Amino acid sequence: VLSRSVGILAHTWEQMQQGGRNKGPLPRDATWTYSGKR
């Protein structure tokens, strides 16, 4: 955790500099697999 925290901090700071709002785990034009009832 101590080690990986360095990378976590670096990526957090870089993302803050890049900006962006509510960036999720998937690109906006990609959706997930729906497995429920239709």
PDB file of all heavy atoms in Angstrom:
ATOM      1  N   VAL A   1       0.841  -1.201   0.000  1.00  0.00           N
ATOM      2  CA  VAL A   1       0.000   0.000   0.000  1.00  0.00           C
ATOM      3  C   VAL A   1       0.875   1.250   0.000  1.00  0.00           C
ATOM      4  O   VAL A   1       0.608   2.215  -0.735  1.00  0.00           O
ATOM      5  CB  VAL A   1      -0.954  -0.001   1.209  1.00  0.00           C
ATOM      6  CG1 VAL A   1      -1.660   1.345   1.344  1.00  0.00           C
ATOM      7  CG2 VAL A   1      -1.994  -1.110   1.080  1.00  0.00           C
ATOM      8  N   LEU A   2       1.939   1.257   0.812  1.00  0.00           N
ATOM      9  CA  LEU A   2       2.854   2.403   0.823  1.00  0.00           C
ATOM     10  C   LEU A   2       3.460   2.622  -0.557  1.00  0.00           C
ATOM     11  O   LEU A   2       3.539   3.755  -1.047  1.00  0.00           O
ATOM     12  CB  LEU A   2       3.968   2.169   1.843  1.00  0.00           C
ATOM     13  CG  LEU A   2       3.616   2.299   3.322  1.00  0.00           C
ATOM     14  CD1 LEU A   2       4.812   1.906   4.190  1.00  0.00           C
ATOM     15  CD2 LEU A   2       3.190   3.719   3.653  1.00  0.00           C
ATOM     16  N   SER A   3       3.891   1.532  -1.176  1.00  0.00           N
ATOM     17  CA  SER A   3       4.504   1.630  -2.499  1.00  0.00           C
ATOM     18  C   SER A   3       3.506   2.122  -3.544  1.00  0.00           C
ATOM     19  O   SER A   3       3.758   3.105  -4.258  1.00  0.00           O
ATOM     20  CB  SER A   3       5.051   0.258  -2.893  1.00  0.00           C
ATOM     21  OG  SER A   3       5.517   0.253  -4.220  1.00  0.00           O
ATOM     22  N   ARG A   4       2.356   1.465  -3.648  1.00  0.00           N
ATOM     23  CA  ARG A   4       1.374   1.802  -4.673  1.00  0.00           C
ATOM     24  C   ARG A   4       0.779   3.194  -4.458  1.00  0.00           C
ATOM     25  O   ARG A   4       0.307   3.833  -5.405  1.00  0.00           O
ATOM     26  CB  ARG A   4       0.284   0.730  -4.708  1.00  0.00           C
ATOM     27  CG  ARG A   4      -0.771   0.891  -5.809  1.00  0.00           C
ATOM     28  CD  ARG A   4      -0.205   1.082  -7.205  1.00  0.00           C
ATOM     29  NE  ARG A   4       0.674   0.007  -7.650  1.00  0.00           N
ATOM     30  CZ  ARG A   4       0.266  -1.085  -8.279  1.00  0.00           C
ATOM     31  NH1 ARG A   4      -1.029  -1.256  -8.531  1.00  0.00           N
ATOM     32  NH2 ARG A   4       1.136  -1.993  -8.668  1.00  0.00           N
ATOM     33  N   SER A   5       0.818   3.684  -3.226  1.00  0.00           N
ATOM     34  CA  SER A   5       0.301   5.030  -2.950  1.00  0.00           C
ATOM     35  C   SER A   5       1.035   6.095  -3.748  1.00  0.00           C
ATOM     36  O   SER A   5       0.474   7.145  -4.078  1.00  0.00           O
ATOM     37  CB  SER A   5       0.400   5.351  -1.453  1.00  0.00           C
ATOM     38  OG  SER A   5      -0.479   4.555  -0.710  1.00  0.00           O
ATOM     39  N   VAL A   6       2.300   5.846  -4.060  1.00  0.00           N
ATOM     40  CA  VAL A   6       3.072   6.808  -4.860  1.00  0.00           C
ATOM     41  C   VAL A   6       2.470   6.918  -6.260  1.00  0.00           C
ATOM     42  O   VAL A   6       2.253   8.021  -6.779  1.00  0.00           O
ATOM     43  CB  VAL A   6       4.551   6.382  -4.934  1.00  0.00           C
ATOM     44  CG1 VAL A   6       5.342   7.347  -5.822  1.00  0.00           C
ATOM     45  CG2 VAL A   6       5.167   6.309  -3.546  1.00  0.00           C
ATOM     46  N   GLY A   7       2.197   5.775  -6.885  1.00  0.00           N
ATOM     47  CA  GLY A   7       1.557   5.799  -8.201  1.00  0.00           C
ATOM     48  C   GLY A   7       0.166   6.381  -8.150  1.00  0.00           C
ATOM     49  O   GLY A   7      -0.250   7.117  -9.051  1.00  0.00           O
ATOM     50  N   ILE A   8      -0.573   6.035  -7.099  1.00  0.00           N
ATOM     51  CA  ILE A   8      -1.928   6.568  -6.931  1.00  0.00           C
ATOM     52  C   ILE A   8      -1.896   8.093  -6.839  1.00  0.00           C
ATOM     53  O   ILE A   8      -2.699   8.787  -7.472  1.00  0.00           O
ATOM     54  CB  ILE A   8      -2.583   5.943  -5.686  1.00  0.00           C
ATOM     55  CG1 ILE A   8      -2.916   4.464  -5.952  1.00  0.00           C
ATOM     56  CG2 ILE A   8      -3.836   6.712  -5.271  1.00  0.00           C
ATOM     57  CD1 ILE A   8      -3.322   3.697  -4.714  1.00  0.00           C
ATOM     58  N   LEU A   9      -0.952   8.621  -6.069  1.00  0.00           N
ATOM     59  CA  LEU A   9      -0.819  10.072  -5.943  1.00  0.00           C
ATOM     60  C   LEU A   9      -0.459  10.702  -7.283  1.00  0.00           C
ATOM     61  O   LEU A   9      -1.041  11.719  -7.677  1.00  0.00           O
ATOM     62  CB  LEU A   9       0.247  10.402  -4.898  1.00  0.00           C
ATOM     63  CG  LEU A   9       0.617  11.882  -4.738  1.00  0.00           C
ATOM     64  CD1 LEU A   9      -0.607  12.726  -4.369  1.00  0.00           C
ATOM     65  CD2 LEU A   9       1.722  12.047  -3.701  1.00  0.00           C
ATOM     66  N   ALA A  10       0.485  10.105  -8.005  1.00  0.00           N
ATOM     67  CA  ALA A  10       0.908  10.665  -9.286  1.00  0.00           C
ATOM     68  C   ALA A  10      -0.244  10.688 -10.297  1.00  0.00           C
ATOM     69  O   ALA A  10      -0.457  11.693 -10.989  1.00  0.00           O
ATOM     70  CB  ALA A  10       2.081   9.844  -9.846  1.00  0.00           C
ATOM     71  N   HIS A  11      -1.011   9.603 -10.371  1.00  0.00           N
ATOM     72  CA  HIS A  11      -2.126   9.543 -11.311  1.00  0.00           C
ATOM     73  C   HIS A  11      -3.254  10.490 -10.909  1.00  0.00           C
ATOM     74  O   HIS A  11      -3.903  11.094 -11.767  1.00  0.00           O
ATOM     75  CB  HIS A  11      -2.651   8.114 -11.424  1.00  0.00           C
ATOM     76  CG  HIS A  11      -1.827   7.253 -12.334  1.00  0.00           C
ATOM     77  ND1 HIS A  11      -2.028   7.205 -13.691  1.00  0.00           N
ATOM     78  CD2 HIS A  11      -0.784   6.429 -12.069  1.00  0.00           C
ATOM     79  CE1 HIS A  11      -1.146   6.379 -14.231  1.00  0.00           C
ATOM     80  NE2 HIS A  11      -0.388   5.888 -13.273  1.00  0.00           N
ATOM     81  N   THR A  12      -3.487  10.606  -9.607  1.00  0.00           N
ATOM     82  CA  THR A  12      -4.510  11.545  -9.126  1.00  0.00           C
ATOM     83  C   THR A  12      -4.155  12.964  -9.546  1.00  0.00           C
ATOM     84  O   THR A  12      -4.996  13.708 -10.080  1.00  0.00           O
ATOM     85  CB  THR A  12      -4.644  11.468  -7.603  1.00  0.00           C
ATOM     86  OG1 THR A  12      -5.035  10.145  -7.223  1.00  0.00           O
ATOM     87  CG2 THR A  12      -5.675  12.453  -7.088  1.00  0.00           C
ATOM     88  N   TRP A  13      -2.918  13.336  -9.306  1.00  0.00           N
ATOM     89  CA  TRP A  13      -2.480  14.701  -9.623  1.00  0.00           C
ATOM     90  C   TRP A  13      -2.511  14.947 -11.130  1.00  0.00           C
ATOM     91  O   TRP A  13      -2.957  16.005 -11.584  1.00  0.00           O
ATOM     92  CB  TRP A  13      -1.079  14.933  -9.073  1.00  0.00           C
ATOM     93  CG  TRP A  13      -0.548  16.313  -9.314  1.00  0.00           C
ATOM     94  CD1 TRP A  13       0.537  16.664 -10.046  1.00  0.00           C
ATOM     95  CD2 TRP A  13      -1.106  17.537  -8.819  1.00  0.00           C
ATOM     96  NE1 TRP A  13       0.706  18.023 -10.047  1.00  0.00           N
ATOM     97  CE2 TRP A  13      -0.292  18.591  -9.298  1.00  0.00           C
ATOM     98  CE3 TRP A  13      -2.205  17.849  -8.028  1.00  0.00           C
ATOM     99  CZ2 TRP A  13      -0.534  19.922  -9.016  1.00  0.00           C
ATOM    100  CZ3 TRP A  13      -2.459  19.195  -7.734  1.00  0.00           C
ATOM    101  CH2 TRP A  13      -1.631  20.207  -8.221  1.00  0.00           C
ATOM    102  N   GLU A  14      -2.054  13.961 -11.918  1.00  0.00           N
ATOM    103  CA  GLU A  14      -2.080  14.123 -13.362  1.00  0.00           C
ATOM    104  C   GLU A  14      -3.501  14.303 -13.874  1.00  0.00           C
ATOM    105  O   GLU A  14      -3.769  15.167 -14.725  1.00  0.00           O
ATOM    106  CB  GLU A  14      -1.444  12.910 -14.047  1.00  0.00           C
ATOM    107  CG  GLU A  14      -1.417  13.041 -15.571  1.00  0.00           C
ATOM    108  CD  GLU A  14      -0.810  11.829 -16.245  1.00  0.00           C
ATOM    109  OE1 GLU A  14      -1.396  10.725 -16.114  1.00  0.00           O
ATOM    110  OE2 GLU A  14       0.235  11.981 -16.907  1.00  0.00           O
ATOM    111  N   GLN A  15      -4.442  13.499 -13.342  1.00  0.00           N
ATOM    112  CA  GLN A  15      -5.828  13.617 -13.780  1.00  0.00           C
ATOM    113  C   GLN A  15      -6.406  14.971 -13.405  1.00  0.00           C
ATOM    114  O   GLN A  15      -7.173  15.562 -14.169  1.00  0.00           O
ATOM    115  CB  GLN A  15      -6.677  12.500 -13.173  1.00  0.00           C
ATOM    116  CG  GLN A  15      -8.077  12.407 -13.746  1.00  0.00           C
ATOM    117  CD  GLN A  15      -8.081  12.070 -15.229  1.00  0.00           C
ATOM    118  OE1 GLN A  15      -7.508  11.077 -15.651  1.00  0.00           O
ATOM    119  NE2 GLN A  15      -8.710  12.927 -16.028  1.00  0.00           N
ATOM    120  N   MET A  16      -6.032  15.479 -12.249  1.00  0.00           N
ATOM    121  CA  MET A  16      -6.502  16.811 -11.844  1.00  0.00           C
ATOM    122  C   MET A  16      -6.000  17.884 -12.802  1.00  0.00           C
ATOM    123  O   MET A  16      -6.711  18.849 -13.097  1.00  0.00           O
ATOM    124  CB  MET A  16      -6.045  17.113 -10.417  1.00  0.00           C
ATOM    125  CG  MET A  16      -6.809  16.348  -9.358  1.00  0.00           C
ATOM    126  SD  MET A  16      -6.194  16.710  -7.683  1.00  0.00           S
ATOM    127  CE  MET A  16      -7.536  16.009  -6.699  1.00  0.00           C
ATOM    128  N   GLN A  17      -4.778  17.716 -13.308  1.00  0.00           N
ATOM    129  CA  GLN A  17      -4.233  18.687 -14.262  1.00  0.00           C
ATOM    130  C   GLN A  17      -4.910  18.558 -15.628  1.00  0.00           C
ATOM    131  O   GLN A  17      -5.117  19.544 -16.329  1.00  0.00           O
ATOM    132  CB  GLN A  17      -2.718  18.495 -14.420  1.00  0.00           C
ATOM    133  CG  GLN A  17      -1.924  18.536 -13.138  1.00  0.00           C
ATOM    134  CD  GLN A  17      -2.298  19.694 -12.241  1.00  0.00           C
ATOM    135  OE1 GLN A  17      -2.154  20.860 -12.629  1.00  0.00           O
ATOM    136  NE2 GLN A  17      -2.792  19.392 -11.047  1.00  0.00           N
ATOM    137  N   GLN A  18      -5.271  17.323 -16.007  1.00  0.00           N
ATOM    138  CA  GLN A  18      -5.931  17.105 -17.293  1.00  0.00           C
ATOM    139  C   GLN A  18      -7.382  17.575 -17.285  1.00  0.00           C
ATOM    140  O   GLN A  18      -7.924  17.925 -18.331  1.00  0.00           O
ATOM    141  CB  GLN A  18      -5.896  15.607 -17.646  1.00  0.00           C
ATOM    142  CG  GLN A  18      -4.520  15.092 -17.984  1.00  0.00           C
ATOM    143  CD  GLN A  18      -4.516  13.599 -18.270  1.00  0.00           C
ATOM    144  OE1 GLN A  18      -5.548  12.925 -18.177  1.00  0.00           O
ATOM    145  NE2 GLN A  18      -3.344  13.058 -18.599  1.00  0.00           N
ATOM    146  N   GLY A  19      -7.978  17.586 -16.118  1.00  0.00           N
ATOM    147  CA  GLY A  19      -9.379  17.968 -16.013  1.00  0.00           C
ATOM    148  C   GLY A  19     -10.298  16.813 -16.365  1.00  0.00           C
ATOM    149  O   GLY A  19      -9.913  15.649 -16.313  1.00  0.00           O
ATOM    150  N   GLY A  20     -11.515  17.149 -16.752  1.00  0.00           N
ATOM    151  CA  GLY A  20     -12.506  16.112 -17.043  1.00  0.00           C
ATOM    152  C   GLY A  20     -13.489  15.987 -15.893  1.00  0.00           C
ATOM    153  O   GLY A  20     -13.131  16.233 -14.731  1.00  0.00           O
ATOM    154  N   ARG A  21     -14.714  15.640 -16.232  1.00  0.00           N
ATOM    155  CA  ARG A  21     -15.765  15.542 -15.217  1.00  0.00           C
ATOM    156  C   ARG A  21     -16.453  14.178 -15.313  1.00  0.00           C
ATOM    157  O   ARG A  21     -16.804  13.726 -16.401  1.00  0.00           O
ATOM    158  CB  ARG A  21     -16.809  16.651 -15.410  1.00  0.00           C
ATOM    159  CG  ARG A  21     -16.268  18.059 -15.154  1.00  0.00           C
ATOM    160  CD  ARG A  21     -17.280  19.113 -15.585  1.00  0.00           C
ATOM    161  NE  ARG A  21     -18.532  19.020 -14.833  1.00  0.00           N
ATOM    162  CZ  ARG A  21     -18.748  19.621 -13.654  1.00  0.00           C
ATOM    163  NH1 ARG A  21     -17.784  20.346 -13.094  1.00  0.00           N
ATOM    164  NH2 ARG A  21     -19.911  19.510 -13.046  1.00  0.00           N
ATOM    165  N   ASN A  22     -16.589  13.567 -14.165  1.00  0.00           N
ATOM    166  CA  ASN A  22     -17.337  12.297 -14.074  1.00  0.00           C
ATOM    167  C   ASN A  22     -16.893  11.275 -15.120  1.00  0.00           C
ATOM    168  O   ASN A  22     -17.708  10.674 -15.820  1.00  0.00           O
ATOM    169  CB  ASN A  22     -18.846  12.550 -14.229  1.00  0.00           C
ATOM    170  CG  ASN A  22     -19.413  13.275 -13.032  1.00  0.00           C
ATOM    171  OD1 ASN A  22     -18.899  13.158 -11.915  1.00  0.00           O
ATOM    172  ND2 ASN A  22     -20.467  14.038 -13.249  1.00  0.00           N
ATOM    173  N   LYS A  23     -15.616  11.077 -15.220  1.00  0.00           N
ATOM    174  CA  LYS A  23     -15.088  10.095 -16.178  1.00  0.00           C
ATOM    175  C   LYS A  23     -15.260   8.703 -15.579  1.00  0.00           C
ATOM    176  O   LYS A  23     -14.696   8.388 -14.529  1.00  0.00           O
ATOM    177  CB  LYS A  23     -13.615  10.374 -16.473  1.00  0.00           C
ATOM    178  CG  LYS A  23     -13.067   9.547 -17.618  1.00  0.00           C
ATOM    179  CD  LYS A  23     -11.692  10.044 -18.032  1.00  0.00           C
ATOM    180  CE  LYS A  23     -11.175   9.279 -19.236  1.00  0.00           C
ATOM    181  NZ  LYS A  23      -9.883   9.807 -19.718  1.00  0.00           N
ATOM    182  N   GLY A  24     -16.047   7.883 -16.253  1.00  0.00           N
ATOM    183  CA  GLY A  24     -16.336   6.550 -15.741  1.00  0.00           C
ATOM    184  C   GLY A  24     -15.379   5.502 -16.273  1.00  0.00           C
ATOM    185  O   GLY A  24     -14.415   5.816 -16.970  1.00  0.00           O
ATOM    186  N   PRO A  25     -15.648   4.237 -15.981  1.00  0.00           N
ATOM    187  CA  PRO A  25     -14.748   3.156 -16.404  1.00  0.00           C
ATOM    188  C   PRO A  25     -14.865   2.794 -17.878  1.00  0.00           C
ATOM    189  O   PRO A  25     -14.050   2.023 -18.377  1.00  0.00           O
ATOM    190  CB  PRO A  25     -15.174   1.986 -15.516  1.00  0.00           C
ATOM    191  CG  PRO A  25     -16.612   2.261 -15.201  1.00  0.00           C
ATOM    192  CD  PRO A  25     -16.741   3.744 -15.107  1.00  0.00           C
ATOM    193  N   LEU A  26     -15.874   3.317 -18.573  1.00  0.00           N
ATOM    194  CA  LEU A  26     -16.073   3.014 -19.985  1.00  0.00           C
ATOM    195  C   LEU A  26     -16.180   4.301 -20.797  1.00  0.00           C
ATOM    196  O   LEU A  26     -16.704   5.302 -20.314  1.00  0.00           O
ATOM    197  CB  LEU A  26     -17.366   2.214 -20.189  1.00  0.00           C
ATOM    198  CG  LEU A  26     -17.433   0.805 -19.600  1.00  0.00           C
ATOM    199  CD1 LEU A  26     -18.861   0.264 -19.708  1.00  0.00           C
ATOM    200  CD2 LEU A  26     -16.464  -0.121 -20.320  1.00  0.00           C
ATOM    201  N   PRO A  27     -15.707   4.276 -22.054  1.00  0.00           N
ATOM    202  CA  PRO A  27     -15.940   5.437 -22.925  1.00  0.00           C
ATOM    203  C   PRO A  27     -17.440   5.678 -23.073  1.00  0.00           C
ATOM    204  O   PRO A  27     -18.246   4.759 -22.952  1.00  0.00           O
ATOM    205  CB  PRO A  27     -15.313   5.004 -24.256  1.00  0.00           C
ATOM    206  CG  PRO A  27     -14.329   3.948 -23.895  1.00  0.00           C
ATOM    207  CD  PRO A  27     -14.915   3.234 -22.718  1.00  0.00           C
ATOM    208  N   ARG A  28     -17.797   6.921 -23.365  1.00  0.00           N
ATOM    209  CA  ARG A  28     -19.208   7.286 -23.426  1.00  0.00           C
ATOM    210  C   ARG A  28     -20.010   6.501 -24.452  1.00  0.00           C
ATOM    211  O   ARG A  28     -21.187   6.229 -24.270  1.00  0.00           O
ATOM    212  CB  ARG A  28     -19.351   8.788 -23.726  1.00  0.00           C
ATOM    213  CG  ARG A  28     -19.530   9.630 -22.474  1.00  0.00           C
ATOM    214  CD  ARG A  28     -19.758  11.071 -22.839  1.00  0.00           C
ATOM    215  NE  ARG A  28     -18.491  11.797 -22.894  1.00  0.00           N
ATOM    216  CZ  ARG A  28     -18.392  13.088 -23.170  1.00  0.00           C
ATOM    217  NH1 ARG A  28     -19.475  13.773 -23.459  1.00  0.00           N
ATOM    218  NH2 ARG A  28     -17.233  13.686 -23.178  1.00  0.00           N
ATOM    219  N   ASP A  29     -19.357   6.106 -25.548  1.00  0.00           N
ATOM    220  CA  ASP A  29     -20.087   5.397 -26.600  1.00  0.00           C
ATOM    221  C   ASP A  29     -20.087   3.880 -26.385  1.00  0.00           C
ATOM    222  O   ASP A  29     -20.573   3.126 -27.223  1.00  0.00           O
ATOM    223  CB  ASP A  29     -19.494   5.722 -27.975  1.00  0.00           C
ATOM    224  CG  ASP A  29     -18.009   5.383 -28.057  1.00  0.00           C
ATOM    225  OD1 ASP A  29     -17.412   5.080 -27.001  1.00  0.00           O
ATOM    226  OD2 ASP A  29     -17.457   5.427 -29.170  1.00  0.00           O
ATOM    227  N   ALA A  30     -19.543   3.441 -25.272  1.00  0.00           N
ATOM    228  CA  ALA A  30     -19.534   2.004 -24.967  1.00  0.00           C
ATOM    229  C   ALA A  30     -20.536   1.726 -23.849  1.00  0.00           C
ATOM    230  O   ALA A  30     -20.680   2.509 -22.915  1.00  0.00           O
ATOM    231  CB  ALA A  30     -18.140   1.561 -24.534  1.00  0.00           C
ATOM    232  N   THR A  31     -21.243   0.639 -23.971  1.00  0.00           N
ATOM    233  CA  THR A  31     -22.186   0.255 -22.921  1.00  0.00           C
ATOM    234  C   THR A  31     -21.834  -1.140 -22.423  1.00  0.00           C
ATOM    235  O   THR A  31     -20.954  -1.810 -22.957  1.00  0.00           O
ATOM    236  CB  THR A  31     -23.629   0.271 -23.429  1.00  0.00           C
ATOM    237  OG1 THR A  31     -23.739  -0.602 -24.572  1.00  0.00           O
ATOM    238  CG2 THR A  31     -24.055   1.677 -23.824  1.00  0.00           C
ATOM    239  N   TRP A  32     -22.520  -1.553 -21.428  1.00  0.00           N
ATOM    240  CA  TRP A  32     -22.271  -2.830 -20.783  1.00  0.00           C
ATOM    241  C   TRP A  32     -23.202  -3.902 -21.343  1.00  0.00           C
ATOM    242  O   TRP A  32     -24.108  -3.624 -22.106  1.00  0.00           O
ATOM    243  CB  TRP A  32     -22.479  -2.683 -19.276  1.00  0.00           C
ATOM    244  CG  TRP A  32     -23.779  -2.006 -18.953  1.00  0.00           C
ATOM    245  CD1 TRP A  32     -24.977  -2.601 -18.710  1.00  0.00           C
ATOM    246  CD2 TRP A  32     -24.022  -0.600 -18.883  1.00  0.00           C
ATOM    247  NE1 TRP A  32     -25.951  -1.666 -18.485  1.00  0.00           N
ATOM    248  CE2 TRP A  32     -25.388  -0.418 -18.589  1.00  0.00           C
ATOM    249  CE3 TRP A  32     -23.220   0.545 -19.046  1.00  0.00           C
ATOM    250  CZ2 TRP A  32     -25.973   0.847 -18.437  1.00  0.00           C
ATOM    251  CZ3 TRP A  32     -23.796   1.797 -18.890  1.00  0.00           C
ATOM    252  CH2 TRP A  32     -25.154   1.926 -18.598  1.00  0.00           C
ATOM    253  N   THR A  33     -22.972  -5.129 -20.929  1.00  0.00           N
ATOM    254  CA  THR A  33     -23.838  -6.239 -21.330  1.00  0.00           C
ATOM    255  C   THR A  33     -25.012  -6.329 -20.359  1.00  0.00           C
ATOM    256  O   THR A  33     -24.813  -6.485 -19.150  1.00  0.00           O
ATOM    257  CB  THR A  33     -23.059  -7.567 -21.313  1.00  0.00           C
ATOM    258  OG1 THR A  33     -21.977  -7.478 -22.239  1.00  0.00           O
ATOM    259  CG2 THR A  33     -23.965  -8.734 -21.692  1.00  0.00           C
ATOM    260  N   TYR A  34     -26.205  -6.202 -20.874  1.00  0.00           N
ATOM    261  CA  TYR A  34     -27.401  -6.323 -20.047  1.00  0.00           C
ATOM    262  C   TYR A  34     -27.847  -7.781 -20.034  1.00  0.00           C
ATOM    263  O   TYR A  34     -28.015  -8.404 -21.089  1.00  0.00           O
ATOM    264  CB  TYR A  34     -28.526  -5.425 -20.577  1.00  0.00           C
ATOM    265  CG  TYR A  34     -29.819  -5.572 -19.801  1.00  0.00           C
ATOM    266  CD1 TYR A  34     -29.921  -5.093 -18.502  1.00  0.00           C
ATOM    267  CD2 TYR A  34     -30.922  -6.215 -20.363  1.00  0.00           C
ATOM    268  CE1 TYR A  34     -31.086  -5.236 -17.782  1.00  0.00           C
ATOM    269  CE2 TYR A  34     -32.091  -6.359 -19.651  1.00  0.00           C
ATOM    270  CZ  TYR A  34     -32.175  -5.873 -18.352  1.00  0.00           C
ATOM    271  OH  TYR A  34     -33.326  -6.018 -17.631  1.00  0.00           O
ATOM    272  N   SER A  35     -28.041  -8.338 -18.848  1.00  0.00           N
ATOM    273  CA  SER A  35     -28.403  -9.757 -18.741  1.00  0.00           C
ATOM    274  C   SER A  35     -29.751  -9.971 -18.055  1.00  0.00           C
ATOM    275  O   SER A  35     -30.113 -11.094 -17.711  1.00  0.00           O
ATOM    276  CB  SER A  35     -27.312 -10.500 -17.964  1.00  0.00           C
ATOM    277  OG  SER A  35     -27.157  -9.958 -16.672  1.00  0.00           O
ATOM    278  N   GLY A  36     -30.515  -8.875 -17.875  1.00  0.00           N
ATOM    279  CA  GLY A  36     -31.815  -8.993 -17.199  1.00  0.00           C
ATOM    280  C   GLY A  36     -32.947  -9.243 -18.158  1.00  0.00           C
ATOM    281  O   GLY A  36     -32.771  -9.536 -19.347  1.00  0.00           O
ATOM    282  N   LYS A  37     -34.154  -9.091 -17.633  1.00  0.00           N
ATOM    283  CA  LYS A  37     -35.363  -9.326 -18.440  1.00  0.00           C
ATOM    284  C   LYS A  37     -35.568  -8.184 -19.424  1.00  0.00           C
ATOM    285  O   LYS A  37     -35.173  -7.048 -19.171  1.00  0.00           O
ATOM    286  CB  LYS A  37     -36.581  -9.436 -17.539  1.00  0.00           C
ATOM    287  CG  LYS A  37     -36.557 -10.662 -16.620  1.00  0.00           C
ATOM    288  CD  LYS A  37     -37.795 -10.693 -15.749  1.00  0.00           C
ATOM    289  CE  LYS A  37     -37.796 -11.923 -14.844  1.00  0.00           C
ATOM    290  NZ  LYS A  37     -39.002 -11.969 -13.973  1.00  0.00           N
ATOM    291  N   ARG A  38     -36.168  -8.517 -20.538  1.00  0.00           N
ATOM    292  CA  ARG A  38     -36.490  -7.523 -21.550  1.00  0.00           C
ATOM    293  C   ARG A  38     -37.952  -7.129 -21.415  1.00  0.00           C
ATOM    294  O   ARG A  38     -38.817  -7.973 -21.106  1.00  0.00           O
ATOM    295  CB  ARG A  38     -36.254  -8.064 -22.949  1.00  0.00           C
ATOM    296  CG  ARG A  38     -34.820  -8.441 -23.239  1.00  0.00           C
ATOM    297  CD  ARG A  38     -33.975  -7.214 -23.479  1.00  0.00           C
ATOM    298  NE  ARG A  38     -32.576  -7.566 -23.750  1.00  0.00           N
ATOM    299  CZ  ARG A  38     -31.625  -6.685 -23.948  1.00  0.00           C
ATOM    300  NH1 ARG A  38     -31.903  -5.393 -23.880  1.00  0.00           N
ATOM    301  NH2 ARG A  38     -30.385  -7.068 -24.188  1.00  0.00           N
TER     302      ARG A  38
END
